[in-house]
C-alpha atoms as a PDB file:
ATOM      1  CA  MET A   1     122.850 113.912  94.591  1.00  0.00           C
ATOM      2  CA  SER A   2     125.539 112.451  92.347  1.00  0.00           C
ATOM      3  CA  GLU A   3     125.971 109.233  94.308  1.00  0.00           C
ATOM      4  CA  HIS A   4     123.080 106.774  94.121  1.00  0.00           C
ATOM      5  CA  VAL A   5     122.497 105.535  97.644  1.00  0.00           C
ATOM      6  CA  LEU A   6     119.951 102.817  98.379  1.00  0.00           C
ATOM      7  CA  THR A   7     118.970 101.048 101.531  1.00  0.00           C
ATOM      8  CA  ARG A   8     119.162  97.263 101.394  1.00  0.00           C
ATOM      9  CA  GLY A   9     115.342  97.124 101.265  1.00  0.00           C
ATOM     10  CA  ALA A  10     115.131  99.497  98.312  1.00  0.00           C
ATOM     11  CA  PHE A  11     117.859  97.599  96.479  1.00  0.00           C
ATOM     12  CA  GLU A  12     115.999  94.304  96.888  1.00  0.00           C
ATOM     13  CA  LYS A  13     112.677  95.885  95.863  1.00  0.00           C
ATOM     14  CA  LEU A  14     114.211  97.337  92.682  1.00  0.00           C
ATOM     15  CA  LYS A  15     115.904  94.012  91.935  1.00  0.00           C
ATOM     16  CA  LEU A  16     112.531  92.255  92.133  1.00  0.00           C
ATOM     17  CA  GLU A  17     110.972  94.907  89.883  1.00  0.00           C
ATOM     18  CA  LEU A  18     113.748  94.367  87.336  1.00  0.00           C
ATOM     19  CA  GLU A  19     113.231  90.600  87.360  1.00  0.00           C
ATOM     20  CA  ASP A  20     109.498  91.103  86.785  1.00  0.00           C
ATOM     21  CA  LEU A  21     110.120  93.561  83.953  1.00  0.00           C
ATOM     22  CA  LYS A  22     112.622  91.268  82.241  1.00  0.00           C
ATOM     23  CA  GLY A  23     110.360  88.235  82.620  1.00  0.00           C
ATOM     24  CA  PRO A  24     106.551  88.341  82.746  1.00  0.00           C
ATOM     25  CA  THR A  25     106.133  92.000  81.768  1.00  0.00           C
ATOM     26  CA  ARG A  26     108.421  91.699  78.754  1.00  0.00           C
ATOM     27  CA  LEU A  27     106.500  88.609  77.631  1.00  0.00           C
ATOM     28  CA  ARG A  28     103.144  90.429  77.944  1.00  0.00           C
ATOM     29  CA  VAL A  29     104.412  93.349  75.868  1.00  0.00           C
ATOM     30  CA  ALA A  30     105.807  91.013  73.200  1.00  0.00           C
ATOM     31  CA  GLU A  31     102.453  89.196  73.060  1.00  0.00           C
ATOM     32  CA  ALA A  32     100.613  92.525  72.676  1.00  0.00           C
ATOM     33  CA  ILE A  33     102.875  93.400  69.723  1.00  0.00           C
ATOM     34  CA  ARG A  34     102.260  89.992  68.091  1.00  0.00           C
ATOM     35  CA  GLU A  35      98.512  90.367  68.576  1.00  0.00           C
ATOM     36  CA  ALA A  36      98.496  93.885  67.118  1.00  0.00           C
ATOM     37  CA  LYS A  37     100.587  92.773  64.111  1.00  0.00           C
ATOM     38  CA  SER A  38      98.009  90.136  63.309  1.00  0.00           C
ATOM     39  CA  HIS A  39      95.421  92.876  62.682  1.00  0.00           C
ATOM     40  CA  GLY A  40      97.032  93.896  59.420  1.00  0.00           C
ATOM     41  CA  ASP A  41      98.317  97.245  58.109  1.00  0.00           C
ATOM     42  CA  LEU A  42     100.825  98.554  60.659  1.00  0.00           C
ATOM     43  CA  ARG A  43     100.761 102.170  59.439  1.00  0.00           C
ATOM     44  CA  GLU A  44      97.261 102.793  60.806  1.00  0.00           C
ATOM     45  CA  ASN A  45      97.234 100.208  63.574  1.00  0.00           C
ATOM     46  CA  ALA A  46      96.808 102.109  66.869  1.00  0.00           C
ATOM     47  CA  ALA A  47      97.155  98.955  68.969  1.00  0.00           C
ATOM     48  CA  TYR A  48     100.517  98.184  67.343  1.00  0.00           C
ATOM     49  CA  HIS A  49     101.842 101.710  67.893  1.00  0.00           C
ATOM     50  CA  GLU A  50     100.694 101.652  71.519  1.00  0.00           C
ATOM     51  CA  ALA A  51     102.335  98.250  72.090  1.00  0.00           C
ATOM     52  CA  LYS A  52     105.601  99.486  70.549  1.00  0.00           C
ATOM     53  CA  LEU A  53     105.467 102.589  72.755  1.00  0.00           C
ATOM     54  CA  ASN A  54     104.939 100.363  75.811  1.00  0.00           C
ATOM     55  CA  GLN A  55     107.898  98.249  74.696  1.00  0.00           C
ATOM     56  CA  SER A  56     110.072 101.351  74.413  1.00  0.00           C
ATOM     57  CA  ARG A  57     109.074 102.509  77.898  1.00  0.00           C
ATOM     58  CA  LEU A  58     109.697  99.027  79.294  1.00  0.00           C
ATOM     59  CA  GLU A  59     113.167  98.755  77.770  1.00  0.00           C
ATOM     60  CA  SER A  60     114.049 102.234  79.061  1.00  0.00           C
ATOM     61  CA  ARG A  61     113.011 101.269  82.590  1.00  0.00           C
ATOM     62  CA  ILE A  62     114.947  97.998  82.363  1.00  0.00           C
ATOM     63  CA  ALA A  63     118.077  99.881  81.251  1.00  0.00           C
ATOM     64  CA  GLU A  64     117.616 102.445  84.025  1.00  0.00           C
ATOM     65  CA  LEU A  65     117.265  99.767  86.707  1.00  0.00           C
ATOM     66  CA  ASP A  66     120.166  97.705  85.326  1.00  0.00           C
ATOM     67  CA  LYS A  67     122.459 100.712  85.518  1.00  0.00           C
ATOM     68  CA  LEU A  68     121.204 101.834  88.929  1.00  0.00           C
ATOM     69  CA  LEU A  69     121.633  98.411  90.510  1.00  0.00           C
ATOM     70  CA  GLN A  70     125.195  98.220  89.175  1.00  0.00           C
ATOM     71  CA  ILE A  71     126.334 101.625  90.442  1.00  0.00           C
ATOM     72  CA  ALA A  72     124.254 102.032  93.608  1.00  0.00           C
ATOM     73  CA  LYS A  73     125.909 102.207  96.982  1.00  0.00           C
ATOM     74  CA  VAL A  74     123.903  99.971  99.298  1.00  0.00           C
ATOM     75  CA  VAL A  75     123.693 100.890 102.969  1.00  0.00           C
ATOM     76  CA  ASP A  76     121.967  99.017 105.740  1.00  0.00           C
ATOM     77  CA  GLY A  77     119.650 101.933 106.435  1.00  0.00           C
ATOM     78  CA  VAL A  78     120.501 101.962 110.112  1.00  0.00           C
ATOM     79  CA  PRO A  79     122.407 105.100 111.068  1.00  0.00           C
ATOM     80  CA  ALA A  80     125.757 104.510 112.744  1.00  0.00           C
ATOM     81  CA  ASN A  81     125.303 107.543 114.984  1.00  0.00           C
ATOM     82  CA  SER A  82     121.770 108.189 116.175  1.00  0.00           C
ATOM     83  CA  ASP A  83     122.750 111.711 117.266  1.00  0.00           C
ATOM     84  CA  ILE A  84     123.023 112.820 113.637  1.00  0.00           C
ATOM     85  CA  ALA A  85     120.228 112.504 111.042  1.00  0.00           C
ATOM     86  CA  ASP A  86     121.250 110.105 108.281  1.00  0.00           C
ATOM     87  CA  LEU A  87     119.710 107.787 105.705  1.00  0.00           C
ATOM     88  CA  GLY A  88     117.282 105.535 107.566  1.00  0.00           C
ATOM     89  CA  SER A  89     116.830 107.888 110.529  1.00  0.00           C
ATOM     90  CA  LYS A  90     113.387 108.561 111.920  1.00  0.00           C
ATOM     91  CA  VAL A  91     113.273 112.224 112.812  1.00  0.00           C
ATOM     92  CA  ARG A  92     110.683 114.009 114.934  1.00  0.00           C
ATOM     93  CA  LEU A  93     110.327 117.632 113.886  1.00  0.00           C
ATOM     94  CA  LEU A  94     108.549 120.660 115.221  1.00  0.00           C
ATOM     95  CA  ASP A  95     107.100 122.985 112.595  1.00  0.00           C
ATOM     96  CA  LEU A  96     108.016 126.350 114.103  1.00  0.00           C
ATOM     97  CA  GLU A  97     105.293 128.268 112.265  1.00  0.00           C
ATOM     98  CA  TRP A  98     102.370 125.989 113.158  1.00  0.00           C
ATOM     99  CA  ASN A  99     103.812 124.543 116.379  1.00  0.00           C
ATOM    100  CA  GLU A 100     102.974 121.023 115.170  1.00  0.00           C
ATOM    101  CA  GLU A 101     105.075 117.907 115.539  1.00  0.00           C
ATOM    102  CA  MET A 102     105.661 115.430 112.747  1.00  0.00           C
ATOM    103  CA  GLU A 103     107.754 112.308 112.331  1.00  0.00           C
ATOM    104  CA  ILE A 104     109.488 111.420 109.086  1.00  0.00           C
ATOM    105  CA  THR A 105     111.920 108.772 107.883  1.00  0.00           C
ATOM    106  CA  LEU A 106     114.865 109.784 105.708  1.00  0.00           C
ATOM    107  CA  VAL A 107     115.081 107.488 102.678  1.00  0.00           C
ATOM    108  CA  SER A 108     116.671 107.380  99.226  1.00  0.00           C
ATOM    109  CA  SER A 109     114.879 109.051  96.344  1.00  0.00           C
ATOM    110  CA  TYR A 110     113.833 105.599  95.087  1.00  0.00           C
ATOM    111  CA  GLU A 111     111.942 104.881  98.322  1.00  0.00           C
ATOM    112  CA  ALA A 112     110.402 108.312  98.819  1.00  0.00           C
ATOM    113  CA  ASP A 113     106.711 108.320  99.677  1.00  0.00           C
ATOM    114  CA  PRO A 114     105.758 111.665 101.227  1.00  0.00           C
ATOM    115  CA  ALA A 115     102.169 110.505 101.853  1.00  0.00           C
ATOM    116  CA  ASN A 116     103.622 107.933 104.264  1.00  0.00           C
ATOM    117  CA  ASP A 117     106.233 110.287 105.758  1.00  0.00           C
ATOM    118  CA  MET A 118     109.114 108.701 103.820  1.00  0.00           C
ATOM    119  CA  ILE A 119     111.149 111.755 102.769  1.00  0.00           C
ATOM    120  CA  SER A 120     113.981 111.610 100.244  1.00  0.00           C
ATOM    121  CA  ILE A 121     117.379 112.855 101.357  1.00  0.00           C
ATOM    122  CA  SER A 122     117.591 114.664  98.025  1.00  0.00           C
ATOM    123  CA  SER A 123     114.366 116.636  98.642  1.00  0.00           C
ATOM    124  CA  PRO A 124     114.670 120.122 100.161  1.00  0.00           C
ATOM    125  CA  LEU A 125     113.383 118.918 103.551  1.00  0.00           C
ATOM    126  CA  GLY A 126     115.475 115.743 103.560  1.00  0.00           C
ATOM    127  CA  ALA A 127     118.621 117.570 102.475  1.00  0.00           C
ATOM    128  CA  GLY A 128     118.038 120.191 105.169  1.00  0.00           C
ATOM    129  CA  ILE A 129     117.743 117.550 107.885  1.00  0.00           C
ATOM    130  CA  LEU A 130     120.572 115.291 106.696  1.00  0.00           C
ATOM    131  CA  GLY A 131     123.635 115.648 108.908  1.00  0.00           C
ATOM    132  CA  GLN A 132     121.847 117.736 111.538  1.00  0.00           C
ATOM    133  CA  ALA A 133     121.652 116.985 115.263  1.00  0.00           C
ATOM    134  CA  VAL A 134     118.881 117.195 117.839  1.00  0.00           C
ATOM    135  CA  ASP A 135     117.801 120.789 118.599  1.00  0.00           C
ATOM    136  CA  ALA A 136     119.089 122.055 115.249  1.00  0.00           C
ATOM    137  CA  GLU A 137     116.812 124.533 113.528  1.00  0.00           C
ATOM    138  CA  ILE A 138     116.601 124.285 109.772  1.00  0.00           C
ATOM    139  CA  GLU A 139     115.041 126.400 107.056  1.00  0.00           C
ATOM    140  CA  VAL A 140     113.639 124.776 103.957  1.00  0.00           C
ATOM    141  CA  GLU A 141     112.715 126.620 100.783  1.00  0.00           C
ATOM    142  CA  ALA A 142     109.365 125.309  99.578  1.00  0.00           C
ATOM    143  CA  PRO A 143     106.909 126.519  96.930  1.00  0.00           C
ATOM    144  CA  ALA A 144     104.799 127.999  99.735  1.00  0.00           C
ATOM    145  CA  GLY A 145     107.815 129.906 101.072  1.00  0.00           C
ATOM    146  CA  THR A 146     110.470 129.313 103.689  1.00  0.00           C
ATOM    147  CA  GLN A 147     109.534 126.736 106.312  1.00  0.00           C
ATOM    148  CA  ARG A 148     111.338 126.428 109.632  1.00  0.00           C
ATOM    149  CA  TYR A 149     111.691 123.268 111.710  1.00  0.00           C
ATOM    150  CA  ARG A 150     113.448 122.192 114.892  1.00  0.00           C
ATOM    151  CA  ILE A 151     114.714 118.621 115.231  1.00  0.00           C
ATOM    152  CA  LEU A 152     113.235 117.238 118.448  1.00  0.00           C
ATOM    153  CA  ASN A 153     114.470 113.684 118.307  1.00  0.00           C
ATOM    154  CA  ILE A 154     116.398 111.287 116.080  1.00  0.00           C
ATOM    155  CA  ILE A 155     115.331 107.687 116.473  1.00  0.00           C
END
């Protein structure tokens, strides 16, 4: 997905993460570097190299979040038309192979949590459901093979 779409909740959550990374987390990493430097020879100082690696990861994440929050399109997460599956929709599906029902929520990739039925619209299942109406049958290519679902309800 070329456009970065976030619900208002995800945007606020990422904004809070960025503030934490720029503040307390950055201070902790800087303190770890100072502490490691005080141990002497930096060439063979594992604690120093680990702290610098953590700093590099931290700065990369800060840059990533800064950019994302600037370019993201924020939506309210409440679909305008509940007849069509969209970002924020709760969708009840019927697995046509196992004849089992499941309910998922379509979310941005930054909110995805499959263990809690929060499915990204950029995942194969989410992309297959996005834009579909009740009673639509979809096929999703998964590592285990093609899976077929019917949309029972869009909440």
